[in-house]
C-alpha atoms as a PDB file:
ATOM      1  CA  UNK A   1     -97.137 108.086 178.287  1.00  0.00           C
ATOM      2  CA  UNK A   2     -93.438 108.524 177.519  1.00  0.00           C
ATOM      3  CA  UNK A   3     -92.308 111.964 177.616  1.00  0.00           C
ATOM      4  CA  UNK A   4     -89.167 111.519 177.120  1.00  0.00           C
ATOM      5  CA  UNK A   5     -88.889 109.894 173.854  1.00  0.00           C
ATOM      6  CA  UNK A   6     -90.676 112.243 172.017  1.00  0.00           C
ATOM      7  CA  UNK A   7     -87.202 115.412 172.877  1.00  0.00           C
ATOM      8  CA  UNK A   8     -84.318 112.775 171.419  1.00  0.00           C
ATOM      9  CA  UNK A   9     -81.517 115.854 171.729  1.00  0.00           C
ATOM     10  CA  UNK A  10     -77.996 115.444 172.963  1.00  0.00           C
ATOM     11  CA  UNK A  11     -78.607 117.683 175.568  1.00  0.00           C
ATOM     12  CA  UNK A  12     -78.920 116.460 179.187  1.00  0.00           C
ATOM     13  CA  UNK A  13     -82.638 115.847 180.937  1.00  0.00           C
ATOM     14  CA  UNK A  14     -83.462 116.050 184.531  1.00  0.00           C
ATOM     15  CA  UNK A  15     -83.668 112.612 185.822  1.00  0.00           C
ATOM     16  CA  UNK A  16     -87.386 111.755 186.837  1.00  0.00           C
ATOM     17  CA  UNK A  17     -88.378 108.358 187.698  1.00  0.00           C
ATOM     18  CA  UNK A  18     -89.689 105.936 185.489  1.00  0.00           C
ATOM     19  CA  UNK A  19     -94.213 106.722 184.729  1.00  0.00           C
ATOM     20  CA  UNK A  20     -96.460 104.871 185.008  1.00  0.00           C
ATOM     21  CA  UNK A  21     -98.748 104.997 181.888  1.00  0.00           C
ATOM     22  CA  UNK A  22    -102.981 103.296 182.201  1.00  0.00           C
ATOM     23  CA  UNK A  23    -102.005 100.770 179.975  1.00  0.00           C
ATOM     24  CA  UNK A  24     -99.258  99.217 182.076  1.00  0.00           C
ATOM     25  CA  UNK A  25    -101.400  98.901 185.332  1.00  0.00           C
ATOM     26  CA  UNK A  26    -103.122  95.646 186.630  1.00  0.00           C
ATOM     27  CA  UNK A  27    -106.589  97.581 186.746  1.00  0.00           C
ATOM     28  CA  UNK A  28    -108.428  95.456 189.344  1.00  0.00           C
ATOM     29  CA  UNK A  29    -105.142  95.409 191.632  1.00  0.00           C
ATOM     30  CA  UNK A  30    -104.934  98.957 191.067  1.00  0.00           C
ATOM     31  CA  UNK A  31    -108.927  99.984 191.927  1.00  0.00           C
ATOM     32  CA  UNK A  32    -108.583  96.965 195.064  1.00  0.00           C
ATOM     33  CA  UNK A  33    -105.304  98.578 196.710  1.00  0.00           C
ATOM     34  CA  UNK A  34    -106.386 101.863 195.958  1.00  0.00           C
ATOM     35  CA  UNK A  35    -109.363 101.337 198.042  1.00  0.00           C
ATOM     36  CA  UNK A  36    -107.496  99.962 201.027  1.00  0.00           C
ATOM     37  CA  UNK A  37    -104.634 102.666 201.053  1.00  0.00           C
ATOM     38  CA  UNK A  38    -106.833 105.872 200.435  1.00  0.00           C
ATOM     39  CA  UNK A  39    -109.655 104.413 202.589  1.00  0.00           C
ATOM     40  CA  UNK A  40    -106.696 105.072 205.529  1.00  0.00           C
ATOM     41  CA  UNK A  41    -105.884 107.811 205.029  1.00  0.00           C
ATOM     42  CA  UNK A  42    -109.531 109.058 204.622  1.00  0.00           C
ATOM     43  CA  UNK A  43    -109.488 107.428 208.218  1.00  0.00           C
ATOM     44  CA  UNK A  44    -106.183 109.532 210.095  1.00  0.00           C
ATOM     45  CA  UNK A  45    -107.303 113.098 208.052  1.00  0.00           C
ATOM     46  CA  UNK A  46    -111.318 112.838 208.948  1.00  0.00           C
ATOM     47  CA  UNK A  47    -111.011 114.291 212.651  1.00  0.00           C
ATOM     48  CA  UNK A  48    -109.578 117.903 210.531  1.00  0.00           C
ATOM     49  CA  UNK A  49    -112.068 117.795 207.937  1.00  0.00           C
ATOM     50  CA  UNK A  50    -115.279 117.412 211.309  1.00  0.00           C
ATOM     51  CA  UNK A  51    -112.703 120.332 212.890  1.00  0.00           C
ATOM     52  CA  UNK A  52    -112.659 122.296 209.152  1.00  0.00           C
ATOM     53  CA  UNK A  53    -116.639 121.475 208.534  1.00  0.00           C
ATOM     54  CA  UNK A  54    -117.524 123.563 212.541  1.00  0.00           C
ATOM     55  CA  UNK A  55    -115.556 126.305 211.744  1.00  0.00           C
ATOM     56  CA  UNK A  56    -116.918 127.495 208.388  1.00  0.00           C
ATOM     57  CA  UNK A  57    -120.911 126.896 209.870  1.00  0.00           C
ATOM     58  CA  UNK A  58    -120.152 128.020 213.209  1.00  0.00           C
ATOM     59  CA  UNK A  59    -122.078 132.017 213.041  1.00  0.00           C
ATOM     60  CA  UNK A  60    -118.540 133.570 215.667  1.00  0.00           C
ATOM     61  CA  UNK A  61    -115.059 133.174 215.104  1.00  0.00           C
ATOM     62  CA  UNK A  62    -113.772 131.087 217.097  1.00  0.00           C
ATOM     63  CA  UNK A  63    -109.773 129.126 217.092  1.00  0.00           C
ATOM     64  CA  UNK A  64    -109.179 125.396 215.646  1.00  0.00           C
ATOM     65  CA  UNK A  65    -107.973 124.649 219.491  1.00  0.00           C
ATOM     66  CA  UNK A  66    -111.389 125.929 220.933  1.00  0.00           C
ATOM     67  CA  UNK A  67    -113.116 124.458 218.389  1.00  0.00           C
ATOM     68  CA  UNK A  68    -111.354 120.991 219.382  1.00  0.00           C
ATOM     69  CA  UNK A  69    -111.076 121.892 222.666  1.00  0.00           C
ATOM     70  CA  UNK A  70    -115.764 122.343 222.281  1.00  0.00           C
ATOM     71  CA  UNK A  71    -115.872 119.179 220.257  1.00  0.00           C
ATOM     72  CA  UNK A  72    -113.345 117.317 222.864  1.00  0.00           C
ATOM     73  CA  UNK A  73    -115.381 118.181 226.273  1.00  0.00           C
ATOM     74  CA  UNK A  74    -119.263 117.408 225.212  1.00  0.00           C
ATOM     75  CA  UNK A  75    -118.835 114.894 222.415  1.00  0.00           C
ATOM     76  CA  UNK A  76    -115.065 112.818 223.130  1.00  0.00           C
ATOM     77  CA  UNK A  77    -113.500 111.827 220.675  1.00  0.00           C
ATOM     78  CA  UNK A  78    -116.832 109.939 218.502  1.00  0.00           C
ATOM     79  CA  UNK A  79    -117.156 113.468 217.634  1.00  0.00           C
ATOM     80  CA  UNK A  80    -114.053 113.704 215.033  1.00  0.00           C
ATOM     81  CA  UNK A  81    -115.854 110.751 213.324  1.00  0.00           C
ATOM     82  CA  UNK A  82    -119.330 111.752 213.396  1.00  0.00           C
ATOM     83  CA  UNK A  83    -120.458 111.105 209.214  1.00  0.00           C
ATOM     84  CA  UNK A  84    -117.437 108.683 209.356  1.00  0.00           C
ATOM     85  CA  UNK A  85    -119.021 105.842 208.010  1.00  0.00           C
ATOM     86  CA  UNK A  86    -120.921 107.576 205.045  1.00  0.00           C
ATOM     87  CA  UNK A  87    -117.909 109.292 204.025  1.00  0.00           C
ATOM     88  CA  UNK A  88    -115.916 106.156 203.489  1.00  0.00           C
ATOM     89  CA  UNK A  89    -117.910 104.316 201.717  1.00  0.00           C
ATOM     90  CA  UNK A  90    -118.815 107.228 199.478  1.00  0.00           C
ATOM     91  CA  UNK A  91    -114.767 107.608 199.296  1.00  0.00           C
ATOM     92  CA  UNK A  92    -114.453 104.215 197.465  1.00  0.00           C
ATOM     93  CA  UNK A  93    -116.544 105.047 194.429  1.00  0.00           C
ATOM     94  CA  UNK A  94    -115.637 108.499 194.135  1.00  0.00           C
ATOM     95  CA  UNK A  95    -111.655 107.254 194.286  1.00  0.00           C
ATOM     96  CA  UNK A  96    -112.204 105.052 191.254  1.00  0.00           C
ATOM     97  CA  UNK A  97    -114.339 107.822 189.269  1.00  0.00           C
ATOM     98  CA  UNK A  98    -111.510 110.233 190.221  1.00  0.00           C
ATOM     99  CA  UNK A  99    -108.782 107.959 189.704  1.00  0.00           C
ATOM    100  CA  UNK A 100    -109.776 106.415 186.001  1.00  0.00           C
ATOM    101  CA  UNK A 101    -110.833 109.744 184.908  1.00  0.00           C
ATOM    102  CA  UNK A 102    -107.132 111.507 185.815  1.00  0.00           C
ATOM    103  CA  UNK A 103    -104.668 108.711 184.681  1.00  0.00           C
ATOM    104  CA  UNK A 104    -107.267 108.228 181.447  1.00  0.00           C
ATOM    105  CA  UNK A 105    -107.156 112.089 180.390  1.00  0.00           C
ATOM    106  CA  UNK A 106    -103.217 112.539 181.365  1.00  0.00           C
ATOM    107  CA  UNK A 107    -102.849 109.317 179.556  1.00  0.00           C
ATOM    108  CA  UNK A 108    -104.703 110.847 175.919  1.00  0.00           C
ATOM    109  CA  UNK A 109    -103.857 114.665 176.719  1.00  0.00           C
ATOM    110  CA  UNK A 110    -100.132 114.290 177.428  1.00  0.00           C
ATOM    111  CA  UNK A 111     -99.250 112.061 174.265  1.00  0.00           C
ATOM    112  CA  UNK A 112    -101.512 114.910 172.203  1.00  0.00           C
ATOM    113  CA  UNK A 113     -99.578 117.496 173.688  1.00  0.00           C
ATOM    114  CA  UNK A 114     -96.142 115.830 172.564  1.00  0.00           C
ATOM    115  CA  UNK A 115     -97.217 115.491 168.761  1.00  0.00           C
ATOM    116  CA  UNK A 116     -97.965 118.828 168.319  1.00  0.00           C
ATOM    117  CA  UNK A 117     -93.852 120.096 170.030  1.00  0.00           C
ATOM    118  CA  UNK A 118     -94.594 120.738 173.551  1.00  0.00           C
ATOM    119  CA  UNK A 119     -91.440 120.381 175.764  1.00  0.00           C
ATOM    120  CA  UNK A 120     -91.597 117.713 178.260  1.00  0.00           C
ATOM    121  CA  UNK A 121     -92.178 120.062 181.129  1.00  0.00           C
ATOM    122  CA  UNK A 122     -95.203 122.123 179.463  1.00  0.00           C
ATOM    123  CA  UNK A 123     -96.369 118.573 178.445  1.00  0.00           C
ATOM    124  CA  UNK A 124     -96.349 117.042 182.044  1.00  0.00           C
ATOM    125  CA  UNK A 125     -98.121 120.372 182.960  1.00  0.00           C
ATOM    126  CA  UNK A 126    -100.935 120.764 180.516  1.00  0.00           C
ATOM    127  CA  UNK A 127    -102.038 116.924 180.762  1.00  0.00           C
ATOM    128  CA  UNK A 128    -102.125 116.937 184.597  1.00  0.00           C
ATOM    129  CA  UNK A 129    -103.840 120.271 185.047  1.00  0.00           C
ATOM    130  CA  UNK A 130    -106.396 118.551 182.418  1.00  0.00           C
ATOM    131  CA  UNK A 131    -106.055 115.629 184.314  1.00  0.00           C
ATOM    132  CA  UNK A 132    -106.973 117.316 187.673  1.00  0.00           C
ATOM    133  CA  UNK A 133    -110.101 119.157 185.606  1.00  0.00           C
ATOM    134  CA  UNK A 134    -111.761 116.132 184.571  1.00  0.00           C
ATOM    135  CA  UNK A 135    -110.858 113.691 187.865  1.00  0.00           C
ATOM    136  CA  UNK A 136    -112.564 116.423 189.841  1.00  0.00           C
ATOM    137  CA  UNK A 137    -115.691 117.219 187.483  1.00  0.00           C
ATOM    138  CA  UNK A 138    -116.100 112.781 187.597  1.00  0.00           C
ATOM    139  CA  UNK A 139    -115.990 112.455 191.455  1.00  0.00           C
ATOM    140  CA  UNK A 140    -117.933 115.476 192.150  1.00  0.00           C
ATOM    141  CA  UNK A 141    -121.131 113.776 190.666  1.00  0.00           C
ATOM    142  CA  UNK A 142    -120.649 110.507 193.608  1.00  0.00           C
ATOM    143  CA  UNK A 143    -119.408 113.232 196.043  1.00  0.00           C
ATOM    144  CA  UNK A 144    -121.345 115.475 196.236  1.00  0.00           C
ATOM    145  CA  UNK A 145    -124.424 113.515 197.803  1.00  0.00           C
ATOM    146  CA  UNK A 146    -121.910 112.178 200.178  1.00  0.00           C
ATOM    147  CA  UNK A 147    -120.476 115.441 200.921  1.00  0.00           C
ATOM    148  CA  UNK A 148    -124.624 116.612 201.674  1.00  0.00           C
ATOM    149  CA  UNK A 149    -124.719 114.036 203.713  1.00  0.00           C
ATOM    150  CA  UNK A 150    -121.527 113.172 205.993  1.00  0.00           C
ATOM    151  CA  UNK A 151    -121.395 116.866 206.669  1.00  0.00           C
ATOM    152  CA  UNK A 152    -124.576 117.239 207.977  1.00  0.00           C
ATOM    153  CA  UNK A 153    -123.690 114.253 210.574  1.00  0.00           C
ATOM    154  CA  UNK A 154    -121.057 116.400 211.639  1.00  0.00           C
ATOM    155  CA  UNK A 155    -122.258 118.948 212.455  1.00  0.00           C
ATOM    156  CA  UNK A 156    -125.544 117.906 214.056  1.00  0.00           C
ATOM    157  CA  UNK A 157    -125.315 119.488 217.449  1.00  0.00           C
ATOM    158  CA  UNK A 158    -122.986 121.386 216.847  1.00  0.00           C
ATOM    159  CA  UNK A 159    -123.870 124.166 219.911  1.00  0.00           C
ATOM    160  CA  UNK A 160    -121.821 127.105 218.555  1.00  0.00           C
ATOM    161  CA  UNK A 161    -123.052 126.876 214.613  1.00  0.00           C
ATOM    162  CA  UNK A 162    -125.701 129.703 213.016  1.00  0.00           C
ATOM    163  CA  UNK A 163    -128.994 129.545 214.294  1.00  0.00           C
ATOM    164  CA  UNK A 164    -130.248 128.277 210.581  1.00  0.00           C
ATOM    165  CA  UNK A 165    -128.182 125.632 210.977  1.00  0.00           C
ATOM    166  CA  UNK A 166    -130.739 122.119 209.942  1.00  0.00           C
ATOM    167  CA  UNK A 167    -132.891 120.852 212.519  1.00  0.00           C
ATOM    168  CA  UNK A 168    -133.402 117.797 211.563  1.00  0.00           C
ATOM    169  CA  UNK A 169    -131.810 114.949 213.749  1.00  0.00           C
ATOM    170  CA  UNK A 170    -130.564 111.592 212.150  1.00  0.00           C
ATOM    171  CA  UNK A 171    -130.047 108.476 213.300  1.00  0.00           C
ATOM    172  CA  UNK A 172    -127.020 107.413 210.729  1.00  0.00           C
ATOM    173  CA  UNK A 173    -125.942 108.146 207.306  1.00  0.00           C
ATOM    174  CA  UNK A 174    -129.086 105.969 206.051  1.00  0.00           C
ATOM    175  CA  UNK A 175    -131.712 108.096 208.081  1.00  0.00           C
ATOM    176  CA  UNK A 176    -130.096 111.247 206.945  1.00  0.00           C
ATOM    177  CA  UNK A 177    -130.372 110.281 202.983  1.00  0.00           C
ATOM    178  CA  UNK A 178    -134.330 109.438 203.755  1.00  0.00           C
ATOM    179  CA  UNK A 179    -134.877 112.472 205.535  1.00  0.00           C
ATOM    180  CA  UNK A 180    -133.257 114.852 203.162  1.00  0.00           C
ATOM    181  CA  UNK A 181    -134.566 112.638 200.195  1.00  0.00           C
ATOM    182  CA  UNK A 182    -138.857 113.295 201.768  1.00  0.00           C
ATOM    183  CA  UNK A 183    -137.477 117.051 202.263  1.00  0.00           C
ATOM    184  CA  UNK A 184    -136.006 118.189 199.268  1.00  0.00           C
ATOM    185  CA  UNK A 185    -136.329 115.098 196.836  1.00  0.00           C
ATOM    186  CA  UNK A 186    -133.217 113.968 195.341  1.00  0.00           C
ATOM    187  CA  UNK A 187    -132.205 117.152 194.262  1.00  0.00           C
ATOM    188  CA  UNK A 188    -131.609 118.174 198.041  1.00  0.00           C
ATOM    189  CA  UNK A 189    -128.829 115.334 197.094  1.00  0.00           C
ATOM    190  CA  UNK A 190    -127.013 117.715 195.382  1.00  0.00           C
ATOM    191  CA  UNK A 191    -126.798 121.269 197.050  1.00  0.00           C
ATOM    192  CA  UNK A 192    -124.033 122.860 196.218  1.00  0.00           C
ATOM    193  CA  UNK A 193    -123.445 120.709 192.942  1.00  0.00           C
ATOM    194  CA  UNK A 194    -121.933 123.656 190.643  1.00  0.00           C
ATOM    195  CA  UNK A 195    -120.541 125.432 193.429  1.00  0.00           C
ATOM    196  CA  UNK A 196    -118.588 122.148 193.931  1.00  0.00           C
ATOM    197  CA  UNK A 197    -118.131 122.101 190.792  1.00  0.00           C
ATOM    198  CA  UNK A 198    -116.031 125.372 190.427  1.00  0.00           C
ATOM    199  CA  UNK A 199    -114.487 124.916 193.616  1.00  0.00           C
ATOM    200  CA  UNK A 200    -113.213 121.588 193.141  1.00  0.00           C
ATOM    201  CA  UNK A 201    -112.168 121.294 189.294  1.00  0.00           C
ATOM    202  CA  UNK A 202    -110.643 124.635 188.767  1.00  0.00           C
ATOM    203  CA  UNK A 203    -108.162 124.060 192.225  1.00  0.00           C
ATOM    204  CA  UNK A 204    -107.804 120.595 191.257  1.00  0.00           C
ATOM    205  CA  UNK A 205    -106.262 121.529 187.957  1.00  0.00           C
ATOM    206  CA  UNK A 206    -103.662 124.124 189.724  1.00  0.00           C
ATOM    207  CA  UNK A 207    -102.823 121.908 191.914  1.00  0.00           C
ATOM    208  CA  UNK A 208    -101.714 118.752 189.405  1.00  0.00           C
ATOM    209  CA  UNK A 209    -100.524 121.342 187.034  1.00  0.00           C
ATOM    210  CA  UNK A 210     -98.299 122.911 189.954  1.00  0.00           C
ATOM    211  CA  UNK A 211     -97.552 119.857 191.226  1.00  0.00           C
ATOM    212  CA  UNK A 212     -96.006 118.426 187.853  1.00  0.00           C
ATOM    213  CA  UNK A 213     -93.870 121.809 187.763  1.00  0.00           C
ATOM    214  CA  UNK A 214     -92.829 121.875 191.600  1.00  0.00           C
ATOM    215  CA  UNK A 215     -91.826 117.859 190.809  1.00  0.00           C
ATOM    216  CA  UNK A 216     -89.553 118.492 187.928  1.00  0.00           C
ATOM    217  CA  UNK A 217     -88.259 121.962 189.226  1.00  0.00           C
ATOM    218  CA  UNK A 218     -87.215 120.594 192.862  1.00  0.00           C
ATOM    219  CA  UNK A 219     -85.364 117.603 191.170  1.00  0.00           C
ATOM    220  CA  UNK A 220     -83.508 120.099 188.672  1.00  0.00           C
ATOM    221  CA  UNK A 221     -82.793 122.302 191.858  1.00  0.00           C
ATOM    222  CA  UNK A 222     -80.827 118.815 193.500  1.00  0.00           C
ATOM    223  CA  UNK A 223     -78.454 119.040 190.168  1.00  0.00           C
ATOM    224  CA  UNK A 224     -79.620 115.767 189.539  1.00  0.00           C
ATOM    225  CA  UNK A 225     -79.790 114.772 185.563  1.00  0.00           C
ATOM    226  CA  UNK A 226     -79.995 112.319 183.340  1.00  0.00           C
ATOM    227  CA  UNK A 227     -78.360 111.820 180.173  1.00  0.00           C
ATOM    228  CA  UNK A 228     -79.381 110.323 176.926  1.00  0.00           C
ATOM    229  CA  UNK A 229     -77.712 106.837 177.654  1.00  0.00           C
ATOM    230  CA  UNK A 230     -79.661 106.047 180.621  1.00  0.00           C
ATOM    231  CA  UNK A 231     -77.264 107.345 183.224  1.00  0.00           C
ATOM    232  CA  UNK A 232     -78.477 109.472 186.375  1.00  0.00           C
ATOM    233  CA  UNK A 233     -75.231 111.661 187.513  1.00  0.00           C
ATOM    234  CA  UNK A 234     -74.905 114.723 189.859  1.00  0.00           C
ATOM    235  CA  UNK A 235     -73.462 118.087 190.043  1.00  0.00           C
ATOM    236  CA  UNK A 236     -70.243 116.225 190.315  1.00  0.00           C
ATOM    237  CA  UNK A 237     -70.321 113.623 187.755  1.00  0.00           C
ATOM    238  CA  UNK A 238     -70.988 111.029 189.895  1.00  0.00           C
ATOM    239  CA  UNK A 239     -73.518 108.060 188.998  1.00  0.00           C
ATOM    240  CA  UNK A 240     -76.919 108.742 190.486  1.00  0.00           C
ATOM    241  CA  UNK A 241     -80.090 106.926 190.417  1.00  0.00           C
ATOM    242  CA  UNK A 242     -82.859 107.988 193.563  1.00  0.00           C
ATOM    243  CA  UNK A 243     -83.613 105.628 195.452  1.00  0.00           C
ATOM    244  CA  UNK A 244     -87.051 105.310 196.879  1.00  0.00           C
ATOM    245  CA  UNK A 245     -87.096 107.496 200.260  1.00  0.00           C
ATOM    246  CA  UNK A 246     -85.461 110.482 197.841  1.00  0.00           C
ATOM    247  CA  UNK A 247     -88.493 109.835 195.494  1.00  0.00           C
ATOM    248  CA  UNK A 248     -91.185 110.017 198.395  1.00  0.00           C
ATOM    249  CA  UNK A 249     -89.349 112.877 199.796  1.00  0.00           C
ATOM    250  CA  UNK A 250     -89.434 114.812 196.607  1.00  0.00           C
ATOM    251  CA  UNK A 251     -92.886 113.686 196.016  1.00  0.00           C
ATOM    252  CA  UNK A 252     -94.823 114.903 199.287  1.00  0.00           C
ATOM    253  CA  UNK A 253     -92.562 118.284 198.892  1.00  0.00           C
ATOM    254  CA  UNK A 254     -93.939 118.732 195.960  1.00  0.00           C
ATOM    255  CA  UNK A 255     -97.519 118.299 196.559  1.00  0.00           C
ATOM    256  CA  UNK A 256     -96.883 120.916 199.770  1.00  0.00           C
ATOM    257  CA  UNK A 257     -96.329 123.316 197.869  1.00  0.00           C
ATOM    258  CA  UNK A 258     -99.042 122.692 195.205  1.00  0.00           C
ATOM    259  CA  UNK A 259    -101.473 122.921 197.890  1.00  0.00           C
ATOM    260  CA  UNK A 260    -100.989 126.243 199.638  1.00  0.00           C
ATOM    261  CA  UNK A 261    -101.732 128.252 196.991  1.00  0.00           C
ATOM    262  CA  UNK A 262    -105.020 126.009 196.183  1.00  0.00           C
ATOM    263  CA  UNK A 263    -106.036 126.645 199.325  1.00  0.00           C
ATOM    264  CA  UNK A 264    -106.437 129.937 199.912  1.00  0.00           C
ATOM    265  CA  UNK A 265    -107.646 131.223 196.216  1.00  0.00           C
ATOM    266  CA  UNK A 266    -110.661 128.315 196.795  1.00  0.00           C
ATOM    267  CA  UNK A 267    -111.389 129.030 200.718  1.00  0.00           C
ATOM    268  CA  UNK A 268    -113.915 131.259 200.267  1.00  0.00           C
ATOM    269  CA  UNK A 269    -115.748 129.091 197.554  1.00  0.00           C
ATOM    270  CA  UNK A 270    -115.649 125.981 200.127  1.00  0.00           C
ATOM    271  CA  UNK A 271    -116.851 127.653 202.656  1.00  0.00           C
ATOM    272  CA  UNK A 272    -120.131 128.808 200.511  1.00  0.00           C
ATOM    273  CA  UNK A 273    -120.245 125.325 199.538  1.00  0.00           C
ATOM    274  CA  UNK A 274    -120.259 123.597 202.966  1.00  0.00           C
ATOM    275  CA  UNK A 275    -122.944 126.286 204.461  1.00  0.00           C
ATOM    276  CA  UNK A 276    -125.029 125.474 201.406  1.00  0.00           C
ATOM    277  CA  UNK A 277    -125.162 121.620 201.705  1.00  0.00           C
ATOM    278  CA  UNK A 278    -126.346 122.016 205.296  1.00  0.00           C
ATOM    279  CA  UNK A 279    -127.721 125.328 206.214  1.00  0.00           C
ATOM    280  CA  UNK A 280    -131.549 126.446 205.980  1.00  0.00           C
ATOM    281  CA  UNK A 281    -132.783 129.744 205.524  1.00  0.00           C
ATOM    282  CA  UNK A 282    -136.042 130.910 206.500  1.00  0.00           C
ATOM    283  CA  UNK A 283    -139.456 131.997 204.816  1.00  0.00           C
ATOM    284  CA  UNK A 284    -142.406 132.556 205.851  1.00  0.00           C
ATOM    285  CA  UNK A 285    -141.828 130.138 208.689  1.00  0.00           C
ATOM    286  CA  UNK A 286    -140.676 127.760 206.632  1.00  0.00           C
ATOM    287  CA  UNK A 287    -137.580 126.285 205.958  1.00  0.00           C
ATOM    288  CA  UNK A 288    -136.128 126.748 202.544  1.00  0.00           C
ATOM    289  CA  UNK A 289    -132.613 125.812 201.084  1.00  0.00           C
ATOM    290  CA  UNK A 290    -130.523 128.971 201.445  1.00  0.00           C
ATOM    291  CA  UNK A 291    -129.112 130.558 197.978  1.00  0.00           C
ATOM    292  CA  UNK A 292    -125.875 131.414 197.505  1.00  0.00           C
ATOM    293  CA  UNK A 293    -126.234 134.805 197.784  1.00  0.00           C
ATOM    294  CA  UNK A 294    -128.341 134.563 200.372  1.00  0.00           C
ATOM    295  CA  UNK A 295    -125.501 132.562 202.059  1.00  0.00           C
ATOM    296  CA  UNK A 296    -122.803 135.543 200.893  1.00  0.00           C
ATOM    297  CA  UNK A 297    -125.424 138.187 202.992  1.00  0.00           C
ATOM    298  CA  UNK A 298    -125.094 135.737 205.510  1.00  0.00           C
ATOM    299  CA  UNK A 299    -121.079 135.827 205.772  1.00  0.00           C
ATOM    300  CA  UNK A 300    -120.748 139.323 205.344  1.00  0.00           C
ATOM    301  CA  UNK A 301    -122.621 140.079 208.205  1.00  0.00           C
ATOM    302  CA  UNK A 302    -120.744 137.919 210.303  1.00  0.00           C
ATOM    303  CA  UNK A 303    -117.723 139.427 209.446  1.00  0.00           C
ATOM    304  CA  UNK A 304    -117.500 140.313 206.225  1.00  0.00           C
ATOM    305  CA  UNK A 305    -114.456 138.259 204.429  1.00  0.00           C
ATOM    306  CA  UNK A 306    -112.998 137.166 207.093  1.00  0.00           C
ATOM    307  CA  UNK A 307    -116.275 135.321 207.604  1.00  0.00           C
ATOM    308  CA  UNK A 308    -115.131 133.188 204.369  1.00  0.00           C
ATOM    309  CA  UNK A 309    -112.016 132.179 206.052  1.00  0.00           C
ATOM    310  CA  UNK A 310    -112.505 130.704 208.804  1.00  0.00           C
ATOM    311  CA  UNK A 311    -111.384 127.101 209.036  1.00  0.00           C
ATOM    312  CA  UNK A 312    -108.458 128.249 206.827  1.00  0.00           C
ATOM    313  CA  UNK A 313    -105.768 126.748 209.438  1.00  0.00           C
ATOM    314  CA  UNK A 314    -107.482 123.430 209.368  1.00  0.00           C
ATOM    315  CA  UNK A 315    -108.745 123.301 205.811  1.00  0.00           C
ATOM    316  CA  UNK A 316    -105.118 124.099 204.607  1.00  0.00           C
ATOM    317  CA  UNK A 317    -103.044 121.547 206.858  1.00  0.00           C
ATOM    318  CA  UNK A 318    -105.972 118.715 205.544  1.00  0.00           C
ATOM    319  CA  UNK A 319    -104.840 119.424 201.921  1.00  0.00           C
ATOM    320  CA  UNK A 320    -101.185 119.519 202.570  1.00  0.00           C
ATOM    321  CA  UNK A 321    -101.514 116.758 204.462  1.00  0.00           C
ATOM    322  CA  UNK A 322    -103.676 114.679 202.004  1.00  0.00           C
ATOM    323  CA  UNK A 323    -102.021 115.577 198.922  1.00  0.00           C
ATOM    324  CA  UNK A 324     -98.637 114.500 200.569  1.00  0.00           C
ATOM    325  CA  UNK A 325    -100.079 111.374 201.765  1.00  0.00           C
ATOM    326  CA  UNK A 326    -102.426 111.006 198.718  1.00  0.00           C
ATOM    327  CA  UNK A 327     -99.863 111.855 196.032  1.00  0.00           C
ATOM    328  CA  UNK A 328     -97.249 109.278 198.171  1.00  0.00           C
ATOM    329  CA  UNK A 329     -99.926 106.773 198.398  1.00  0.00           C
ATOM    330  CA  UNK A 330    -100.789 106.783 194.396  1.00  0.00           C
ATOM    331  CA  UNK A 331     -97.338 106.689 192.969  1.00  0.00           C
ATOM    332  CA  UNK A 332     -97.016 103.540 195.708  1.00  0.00           C
ATOM    333  CA  UNK A 333     -99.992 102.550 194.384  1.00  0.00           C
ATOM    334  CA  UNK A 334     -99.395 102.456 190.758  1.00  0.00           C
ATOM    335  CA  UNK A 335     -96.656 101.010 191.267  1.00  0.00           C
ATOM    336  CA  UNK A 336     -97.996  98.221 193.242  1.00  0.00           C
ATOM    337  CA  UNK A 337    -100.126  97.860 190.293  1.00  0.00           C
ATOM    338  CA  UNK A 338     -97.354  98.100 187.785  1.00  0.00           C
ATOM    339  CA  UNK A 339     -98.425  94.865 184.952  1.00  0.00           C
ATOM    340  CA  UNK A 340     -94.461  94.317 184.982  1.00  0.00           C
ATOM    341  CA  UNK A 341     -92.280  95.199 187.455  1.00  0.00           C
ATOM    342  CA  UNK A 342     -89.076  95.387 185.743  1.00  0.00           C
ATOM    343  CA  UNK A 343     -89.739  98.052 183.608  1.00  0.00           C
ATOM    344  CA  UNK A 344     -89.739 100.609 186.473  1.00  0.00           C
ATOM    345  CA  UNK A 345     -85.994  99.207 187.721  1.00  0.00           C
END
């Protein structure tokens, strides 16, 4: 998607490092390297996800420090990696769905918006927003069952959880999968699927659109431009070409800025989703899956709107670090996977 080619004007434009289209990628290398790189990112960030999940199902308000101390004291470092094997196993196909939908949609929508006459910045924002929406929906088809299983394992043995924490004891991910299907059928693996879409699809769309705009505005704010002769200049008029360190720094900052608002807006939905996936209700002496309305009522009883924001700190930190590492890793991955490296120089 060569968006700059659509604006053949005499005015200077912001120099953005070369965009790598879906057609330019070596797909086998892209998915193989992607699985390896994103597995490493998931390993590093997983303890924060466990902490966030524990806080969300807690019946009382606890600080992140107190919860971390409790996990380390009673379960050791292993407690921060409960369900990690299951999560990692699901990350690979989910990421494959995500990246495919992201690139195909971004390329297609971006080309269409340029042909419709939108400006370069607007076209990129629309394309990234649409790509974020479609990629989140595609990934949730795989990720929701993995999320249900891994989160059950994350909160198992949690002493601070709500009273209706699922009472099953799971040996591992396979055992959890089998027991969930036995108790609730395959439908049980898709608990919270609807609210997951409501949480992640708009959030992902806003994040990618915000990232695109922030990325371009930061370059503009730094005063670096690209003339029509493919020469880069800063505000002092000296030739300039962004190096890899500058590019990574701008990508990371743009990702962090795009994460903040998204975390705040979607936090209540994420809390409800987590509770739907791991907690049960009781009816006539039998445990049954909670409904969204029951979950909201329970949260209101436990602390009102504040209860919906338990774990906001870890989630914000997780999203910011995940987004920063994801986008820098993702752009690095695309450059490694490009068929013709000379085109990027």
